[in-house]
C-alpha cells in the first residue's frame, strides 16, 4: 500500500495546518511525524486515513509502490477506511462492552490478521483476568492496550498511531514495541508523536513544521 501526496495542503478557516506537502509513504516502511504541540501532526494523520479531506493538491492511495500514482489499483477517500486502522487518544472504545464483546464486535467490521483470534489477543494483552469486566472499569493503561489491539490486530495495510504510548507503563510500552515488531513488518506504519520512545523504530522522520508555508 502506498500513499502519495502531491502539493497537499490542509487549512481550517484561514490558517494553513500544512501546505505544499509532497511525499510518498510506502509499504514496509515506518514513518514518524513530529512537531510542536498543535502543529498539525494529528491532522495529517487523519488526512492519511482518508477521514479528512485536504483543501489543495491531491492524495492517492494505491496497492504497491507507486510514486507516480499512475498504475495499480487505487482507492477513493470513501474506500480507504477498509485498508486503514488507527489508534488515537480522541478515538474511544465501547466502554459498556466487556473486552471479549468489544473484540468480537470490532472483528465484525474489520477482520483480524491471519491466525489471530479474540482469545489470542486477550492472551497477548495479558488481560485474561479482566476479560469479562466492562471496559469502563479498566484503568487508563488497560484501555490503551485495548486501543492498540483493535488497531494493530486488524487486517489492514496501513497502521496509523497517534501518541500510542499514552497512559502506558513500562510493561505497556514494552508490549507496544513487541506488537510493532511482530505484526507490522510488511505494513505501512505512521506514528504521530514527540516522544522518541514511541517512534524509535521508525526509519523515516517528518517534521510537520517544515510544511507550514
C-alpha atoms as a PDB file:
ATOM      1  CA  UNK A   1       0.000   0.000   0.000  1.00  0.00           C
ATOM      2  CA  UNK A   2       1.288   3.422  -0.954  1.00  0.00           C
ATOM      3  CA  UNK A   3       0.034   6.905  -0.064  1.00  0.00           C
ATOM      4  CA  UNK A   4       1.169   9.693  -2.382  1.00  0.00           C
ATOM      5  CA  UNK A   5       0.728  13.394  -1.561  1.00  0.00           C
ATOM      6  CA  UNK A   6       1.086  15.948  -4.325  1.00  0.00           C
ATOM      7  CA  UNK A   7       1.390  19.572  -3.187  1.00  0.00           C
ATOM      8  CA  UNK A   8      -1.141  18.725  -0.473  1.00  0.00           C
ATOM      9  CA  UNK A   9      -2.455  21.345   1.917  1.00  0.00           C
ATOM     10  CA  UNK A  10      -4.964  21.468   4.758  1.00  0.00           C
ATOM     11  CA  UNK A  11      -6.408  24.542   6.407  1.00  0.00           C
ATOM     12  CA  UNK A  12      -9.017  25.439   8.996  1.00  0.00           C
ATOM     13  CA  UNK A  13     -10.627  28.750   8.100  1.00  0.00           C
ATOM     14  CA  UNK A  14      -7.666  30.910   7.025  1.00  0.00           C
ATOM     15  CA  UNK A  15      -4.997  29.039   8.959  1.00  0.00           C
ATOM     16  CA  UNK A  16      -2.930  26.547   6.993  1.00  0.00           C
ATOM     17  CA  UNK A  17      -2.063  23.451   9.038  1.00  0.00           C
ATOM     18  CA  UNK A  18       0.316  22.156   6.392  1.00  0.00           C
ATOM     19  CA  UNK A  19       0.964  23.160   2.796  1.00  0.00           C
ATOM     20  CA  UNK A  20       2.985  22.109  -0.278  1.00  0.00           C
ATOM     21  CA  UNK A  21       3.348  18.618   1.156  1.00  0.00           C
ATOM     22  CA  UNK A  22       4.932  16.293  -1.396  1.00  0.00           C
ATOM     23  CA  UNK A  23       5.689  12.850  -0.060  1.00  0.00           C
ATOM     24  CA  UNK A  24       5.293   9.117  -0.714  1.00  0.00           C
ATOM     25  CA  UNK A  25       4.561   6.708   2.125  1.00  0.00           C
ATOM     26  CA  UNK A  26       5.369   3.117   1.161  1.00  0.00           C
ATOM     27  CA  UNK A  27       4.502  -0.337   2.464  1.00  0.00           C
ATOM     28  CA  UNK A  28       7.090  -1.974   4.689  1.00  0.00           C
ATOM     29  CA  UNK A  29       8.329   1.406   5.928  1.00  0.00           C
ATOM     30  CA  UNK A  30       7.682   3.193   9.214  1.00  0.00           C
ATOM     31  CA  UNK A  31       7.392   6.970   9.493  1.00  0.00           C
ATOM     32  CA  UNK A  32       7.430   9.354  12.452  1.00  0.00           C
ATOM     33  CA  UNK A  33       5.536  12.637  12.209  1.00  0.00           C
ATOM     34  CA  UNK A  34       6.974  15.105  14.711  1.00  0.00           C
ATOM     35  CA  UNK A  35       6.451  18.765  15.584  1.00  0.00           C
ATOM     36  CA  UNK A  36       5.359  21.050  18.437  1.00  0.00           C
ATOM     37  CA  UNK A  37       2.010  20.561  20.157  1.00  0.00           C
ATOM     38  CA  UNK A  38      -0.777  21.923  17.982  1.00  0.00           C
ATOM     39  CA  UNK A  39       1.387  21.911  14.850  1.00  0.00           C
ATOM     40  CA  UNK A  40      -0.892  19.575  12.887  1.00  0.00           C
ATOM     41  CA  UNK A  41       0.522  16.085  13.445  1.00  0.00           C
ATOM     42  CA  UNK A  42      -2.890  14.572  14.214  1.00  0.00           C
ATOM     43  CA  UNK A  43      -4.493  16.479  11.338  1.00  0.00           C
ATOM     44  CA  UNK A  44      -2.009  14.989   8.884  1.00  0.00           C
ATOM     45  CA  UNK A  45      -2.643  11.529  10.319  1.00  0.00           C
ATOM     46  CA  UNK A  46      -6.400  11.934   9.838  1.00  0.00           C
ATOM     47  CA  UNK A  47      -5.824  13.067   6.259  1.00  0.00           C
ATOM     48  CA  UNK A  48      -3.687   9.986   5.619  1.00  0.00           C
ATOM     49  CA  UNK A  49      -6.529   7.836   6.950  1.00  0.00           C
ATOM     50  CA  UNK A  50      -8.941   9.272   4.387  1.00  0.00           C
ATOM     51  CA  UNK A  51     -11.129  10.583   7.185  1.00  0.00           C
ATOM     52  CA  UNK A  52     -10.337  14.222   6.464  1.00  0.00           C
ATOM     53  CA  UNK A  53     -10.223  15.926   3.077  1.00  0.00           C
ATOM     54  CA  UNK A  54      -7.351  18.200   2.112  1.00  0.00           C
ATOM     55  CA  UNK A  55      -8.007  21.696   0.707  1.00  0.00           C
ATOM     56  CA  UNK A  56      -5.449  21.783  -2.074  1.00  0.00           C
ATOM     57  CA  UNK A  57      -3.305  19.387  -4.045  1.00  0.00           C
ATOM     58  CA  UNK A  58      -4.213  15.732  -4.091  1.00  0.00           C
ATOM     59  CA  UNK A  59      -3.690  12.495  -2.185  1.00  0.00           C
ATOM     60  CA  UNK A  60      -3.747   8.999  -3.675  1.00  0.00           C
ATOM     61  CA  UNK A  61      -3.915   5.574  -2.063  1.00  0.00           C
ATOM     62  CA  UNK A  62      -2.870   2.547  -4.093  1.00  0.00           C
ATOM     63  CA  UNK A  63      -1.717  -1.039  -3.653  1.00  0.00           C
ATOM     64  CA  UNK A  64       2.013  -1.331  -4.359  1.00  0.00           C
ATOM     65  CA  UNK A  65       4.856   1.162  -4.530  1.00  0.00           C
ATOM     66  CA  UNK A  66       3.528   3.724  -6.987  1.00  0.00           C
ATOM     67  CA  UNK A  67       5.301   7.069  -6.586  1.00  0.00           C
ATOM     68  CA  UNK A  68       3.737   8.349  -9.792  1.00  0.00           C
ATOM     69  CA  UNK A  69       0.218   7.237  -8.855  1.00  0.00           C
ATOM     70  CA  UNK A  70      -0.301   6.066 -12.427  1.00  0.00           C
ATOM     71  CA  UNK A  71      -0.612   2.271 -12.095  1.00  0.00           C
ATOM     72  CA  UNK A  72      -2.233  -0.387  -9.989  1.00  0.00           C
ATOM     73  CA  UNK A  73      -5.448  -0.374  -8.011  1.00  0.00           C
ATOM     74  CA  UNK A  74      -6.323   2.947  -6.399  1.00  0.00           C
ATOM     75  CA  UNK A  75      -8.958   3.851  -3.828  1.00  0.00           C
ATOM     76  CA  UNK A  76     -11.096   6.926  -3.288  1.00  0.00           C
ATOM     77  CA  UNK A  77     -11.359   8.566   0.165  1.00  0.00           C
ATOM     78  CA  UNK A  78     -14.566   6.730   0.991  1.00  0.00           C
ATOM     79  CA  UNK A  79     -12.920   3.355   0.322  1.00  0.00           C
ATOM     80  CA  UNK A  80      -9.691   3.888   2.208  1.00  0.00           C
ATOM     81  CA  UNK A  81     -11.130   3.036   5.639  1.00  0.00           C
ATOM     82  CA  UNK A  82     -11.209  -0.634   4.625  1.00  0.00           C
ATOM     83  CA  UNK A  83      -7.415  -0.644   4.446  1.00  0.00           C
ATOM     84  CA  UNK A  84      -6.600   1.571   7.457  1.00  0.00           C
ATOM     85  CA  UNK A  85      -6.589   1.047  11.206  1.00  0.00           C
ATOM     86  CA  UNK A  86      -5.889   3.860  13.648  1.00  0.00           C
ATOM     87  CA  UNK A  87      -5.180   4.272  17.349  1.00  0.00           C
ATOM     88  CA  UNK A  88      -5.551   7.781  18.781  1.00  0.00           C
ATOM     89  CA  UNK A  89      -6.434   9.476  22.099  1.00  0.00           C
ATOM     90  CA  UNK A  90      -9.570  11.021  20.568  1.00  0.00           C
ATOM     91  CA  UNK A  91     -10.942   7.623  19.456  1.00  0.00           C
ATOM     92  CA  UNK A  92     -12.762   5.707  22.183  1.00  0.00           C
ATOM     93  CA  UNK A  93     -13.656   2.065  22.700  1.00  0.00           C
ATOM     94  CA  UNK A  94     -17.178   0.946  23.607  1.00  0.00           C
ATOM     95  CA  UNK A  95     -16.845   1.009  27.381  1.00  0.00           C
ATOM     96  CA  UNK A  96     -20.189  -0.677  28.097  1.00  0.00           C
ATOM     97  CA  UNK A  97     -18.863  -3.865  26.499  1.00  0.00           C
ATOM     98  CA  UNK A  98     -16.558  -6.449  28.010  1.00  0.00           C
ATOM     99  CA  UNK A  99     -13.220  -6.963  26.323  1.00  0.00           C
ATOM    100  CA  UNK A 100     -14.411 -10.119  24.587  1.00  0.00           C
ATOM    101  CA  UNK A 101     -17.613  -8.428  23.412  1.00  0.00           C
ATOM    102  CA  UNK A 102     -15.683  -5.442  22.085  1.00  0.00           C
ATOM    103  CA  UNK A 103     -13.119  -7.510  20.174  1.00  0.00           C
ATOM    104  CA  UNK A 104     -15.851  -9.687  18.640  1.00  0.00           C
ATOM    105  CA  UNK A 105     -17.810  -6.545  17.740  1.00  0.00           C
ATOM    106  CA  UNK A 106     -14.769  -4.921  16.133  1.00  0.00           C
ATOM    107  CA  UNK A 107     -13.987  -8.128  14.237  1.00  0.00           C
ATOM    108  CA  UNK A 108     -17.367  -7.786  12.549  1.00  0.00           C
ATOM    109  CA  UNK A 109     -16.174  -4.567  10.909  1.00  0.00           C
ATOM    110  CA  UNK A 110     -12.533  -5.416  10.261  1.00  0.00           C
ATOM    111  CA  UNK A 111     -11.225  -8.983  10.250  1.00  0.00           C
ATOM    112  CA  UNK A 112      -8.173  -9.817  12.331  1.00  0.00           C
ATOM    113  CA  UNK A 113      -4.802 -10.709  10.853  1.00  0.00           C
ATOM    114  CA  UNK A 114      -4.474 -14.297   9.692  1.00  0.00           C
ATOM    115  CA  UNK A 115      -4.210 -16.714  12.600  1.00  0.00           C
ATOM    116  CA  UNK A 116      -5.355 -14.139  15.166  1.00  0.00           C
ATOM    117  CA  UNK A 117      -8.407 -14.789  17.315  1.00  0.00           C
ATOM    118  CA  UNK A 118     -10.149 -12.945  20.127  1.00  0.00           C
ATOM    119  CA  UNK A 119      -8.662 -15.375  22.646  1.00  0.00           C
ATOM    120  CA  UNK A 120      -5.118 -14.952  21.321  1.00  0.00           C
ATOM    121  CA  UNK A 121      -5.436 -11.151  21.511  1.00  0.00           C
ATOM    122  CA  UNK A 122      -6.611 -11.327  25.118  1.00  0.00           C
ATOM    123  CA  UNK A 123      -3.615 -13.500  25.962  1.00  0.00           C
ATOM    124  CA  UNK A 124      -1.113 -11.204  24.225  1.00  0.00           C
ATOM    125  CA  UNK A 125      -2.556  -8.203  26.078  1.00  0.00           C
ATOM    126  CA  UNK A 126      -2.268 -10.011  29.402  1.00  0.00           C
ATOM    127  CA  UNK A 127      -5.892  -9.179  30.255  1.00  0.00           C
ATOM    128  CA  UNK A 128      -7.245 -12.685  30.847  1.00  0.00           C
ATOM    129  CA  UNK A 129      -8.420 -11.832  34.374  1.00  0.00           C
ATOM    130  CA  UNK A 130     -10.356  -8.794  33.141  1.00  0.00           C
ATOM    131  CA  UNK A 131     -11.929 -10.369  30.070  1.00  0.00           C
ATOM    132  CA  UNK A 132     -15.470 -10.376  31.461  1.00  0.00           C
ATOM    133  CA  UNK A 133     -15.251  -6.932  33.042  1.00  0.00           C
ATOM    134  CA  UNK A 134     -16.815  -3.941  31.282  1.00  0.00           C
ATOM    135  CA  UNK A 135     -14.107  -1.777  29.735  1.00  0.00           C
ATOM    136  CA  UNK A 136     -15.354   1.287  31.620  1.00  0.00           C
ATOM    137  CA  UNK A 137     -13.884  -0.288  34.769  1.00  0.00           C
ATOM    138  CA  UNK A 138     -10.439  -0.667  33.184  1.00  0.00           C
ATOM    139  CA  UNK A 139      -7.539   1.576  34.120  1.00  0.00           C
ATOM    140  CA  UNK A 140      -6.391   4.119  31.522  1.00  0.00           C
ATOM    141  CA  UNK A 141      -3.404   1.907  30.702  1.00  0.00           C
ATOM    142  CA  UNK A 142      -5.590  -1.153  30.165  1.00  0.00           C
ATOM    143  CA  UNK A 143      -7.857   0.850  27.848  1.00  0.00           C
ATOM    144  CA  UNK A 144      -4.830   1.940  25.840  1.00  0.00           C
ATOM    145  CA  UNK A 145      -3.803  -1.684  25.398  1.00  0.00           C
ATOM    146  CA  UNK A 146      -7.265  -2.411  24.011  1.00  0.00           C
ATOM    147  CA  UNK A 147      -6.995   0.532  21.590  1.00  0.00           C
ATOM    148  CA  UNK A 148      -3.638  -0.714  20.354  1.00  0.00           C
ATOM    149  CA  UNK A 149      -5.026  -4.220  19.912  1.00  0.00           C
ATOM    150  CA  UNK A 150      -8.029  -3.197  17.828  1.00  0.00           C
ATOM    151  CA  UNK A 151      -5.658  -1.200  15.614  1.00  0.00           C
ATOM    152  CA  UNK A 152      -2.652  -3.480  15.197  1.00  0.00           C
ATOM    153  CA  UNK A 153      -4.516  -6.795  15.004  1.00  0.00           C
ATOM    154  CA  UNK A 154      -6.892  -5.556  12.294  1.00  0.00           C
ATOM    155  CA  UNK A 155      -6.046  -6.954   8.870  1.00  0.00           C
ATOM    156  CA  UNK A 156      -5.172  -3.624   7.253  1.00  0.00           C
ATOM    157  CA  UNK A 157      -2.308  -2.453   5.064  1.00  0.00           C
ATOM    158  CA  UNK A 158      -1.916   0.877   6.883  1.00  0.00           C
ATOM    159  CA  UNK A 159      -1.422   1.326  10.643  1.00  0.00           C
ATOM    160  CA  UNK A 160      -1.716   4.881  11.990  1.00  0.00           C
ATOM    161  CA  UNK A 161      -0.683   5.561  15.594  1.00  0.00           C
ATOM    162  CA  UNK A 162      -1.250   8.889  17.353  1.00  0.00           C
ATOM    163  CA  UNK A 163       0.658   9.128  20.652  1.00  0.00           C
ATOM    164  CA  UNK A 164       0.377   5.335  21.017  1.00  0.00           C
ATOM    165  CA  UNK A 165       2.006   5.032  24.451  1.00  0.00           C
ATOM    166  CA  UNK A 166      -0.427   7.412  26.188  1.00  0.00           C
ATOM    167  CA  UNK A 167      -1.111   6.128  29.735  1.00  0.00           C
ATOM    168  CA  UNK A 168       1.125   3.072  29.296  1.00  0.00           C
ATOM    169  CA  UNK A 169       3.551   1.994  31.999  1.00  0.00           C
ATOM    170  CA  UNK A 170       6.931   0.404  31.260  1.00  0.00           C
ATOM    171  CA  UNK A 171       5.379  -3.027  30.674  1.00  0.00           C
ATOM    172  CA  UNK A 172       2.785  -1.498  28.351  1.00  0.00           C
ATOM    173  CA  UNK A 173       5.462   0.303  26.328  1.00  0.00           C
ATOM    174  CA  UNK A 174       7.390  -2.956  26.003  1.00  0.00           C
ATOM    175  CA  UNK A 175       4.189  -4.631  24.786  1.00  0.00           C
ATOM    176  CA  UNK A 176       3.679  -1.843  22.244  1.00  0.00           C
ATOM    177  CA  UNK A 177       7.121  -2.363  20.738  1.00  0.00           C
ATOM    178  CA  UNK A 178       6.678  -6.129  20.599  1.00  0.00           C
ATOM    179  CA  UNK A 179       3.355  -5.693  18.768  1.00  0.00           C
ATOM    180  CA  UNK A 180       5.057  -3.448  16.215  1.00  0.00           C
ATOM    181  CA  UNK A 181       7.946  -5.886  15.735  1.00  0.00           C
ATOM    182  CA  UNK A 182       5.747  -8.974  15.486  1.00  0.00           C
ATOM    183  CA  UNK A 183       2.783  -7.737  13.447  1.00  0.00           C
ATOM    184  CA  UNK A 184       3.765  -4.650  11.434  1.00  0.00           C
ATOM    185  CA  UNK A 185       6.858  -5.648   9.464  1.00  0.00           C
ATOM    186  CA  UNK A 186       5.301  -5.573   5.995  1.00  0.00           C
ATOM    187  CA  UNK A 187       2.748  -2.836   6.626  1.00  0.00           C
ATOM    188  CA  UNK A 188       2.855   0.932   6.250  1.00  0.00           C
ATOM    189  CA  UNK A 189       3.177   2.382   9.763  1.00  0.00           C
ATOM    190  CA  UNK A 190       2.921   6.091  10.620  1.00  0.00           C
ATOM    191  CA  UNK A 191       3.421   7.356  14.178  1.00  0.00           C
ATOM    192  CA  UNK A 192       2.454  10.878  15.267  1.00  0.00           C
ATOM    193  CA  UNK A 193       4.431  11.788  18.369  1.00  0.00           C
ATOM    194  CA  UNK A 194       7.011  13.998  20.069  1.00  0.00           C
ATOM    195  CA  UNK A 195       8.237  11.152  22.262  1.00  0.00           C
ATOM    196  CA  UNK A 196      11.116   9.206  20.750  1.00  0.00           C
ATOM    197  CA  UNK A 197      10.129   6.158  22.798  1.00  0.00           C
ATOM    198  CA  UNK A 198       7.000   5.908  20.645  1.00  0.00           C
ATOM    199  CA  UNK A 199       8.749   6.159  17.281  1.00  0.00           C
ATOM    200  CA  UNK A 200      12.299   4.921  17.845  1.00  0.00           C
ATOM    201  CA  UNK A 201      11.713   2.022  15.435  1.00  0.00           C
ATOM    202  CA  UNK A 202      10.732   4.367  12.581  1.00  0.00           C
ATOM    203  CA  UNK A 203      13.222   4.558   9.716  1.00  0.00           C
ATOM    204  CA  UNK A 204      11.973   7.903   8.411  1.00  0.00           C
ATOM    205  CA  UNK A 205      11.126  11.135  10.236  1.00  0.00           C
ATOM    206  CA  UNK A 206       8.957  14.017   9.038  1.00  0.00           C
ATOM    207  CA  UNK A 207       8.857  17.363  10.852  1.00  0.00           C
ATOM    208  CA  UNK A 208       5.414  18.857  10.144  1.00  0.00           C
ATOM    209  CA  UNK A 209       6.874  22.312  10.869  1.00  0.00           C
ATOM    210  CA  UNK A 210       8.681  22.145   7.518  1.00  0.00           C
ATOM    211  CA  UNK A 211       5.335  22.245   5.702  1.00  0.00           C
ATOM    212  CA  UNK A 212       3.822  25.400   7.163  1.00  0.00           C
ATOM    213  CA  UNK A 213       4.329  27.698   4.173  1.00  0.00           C
END
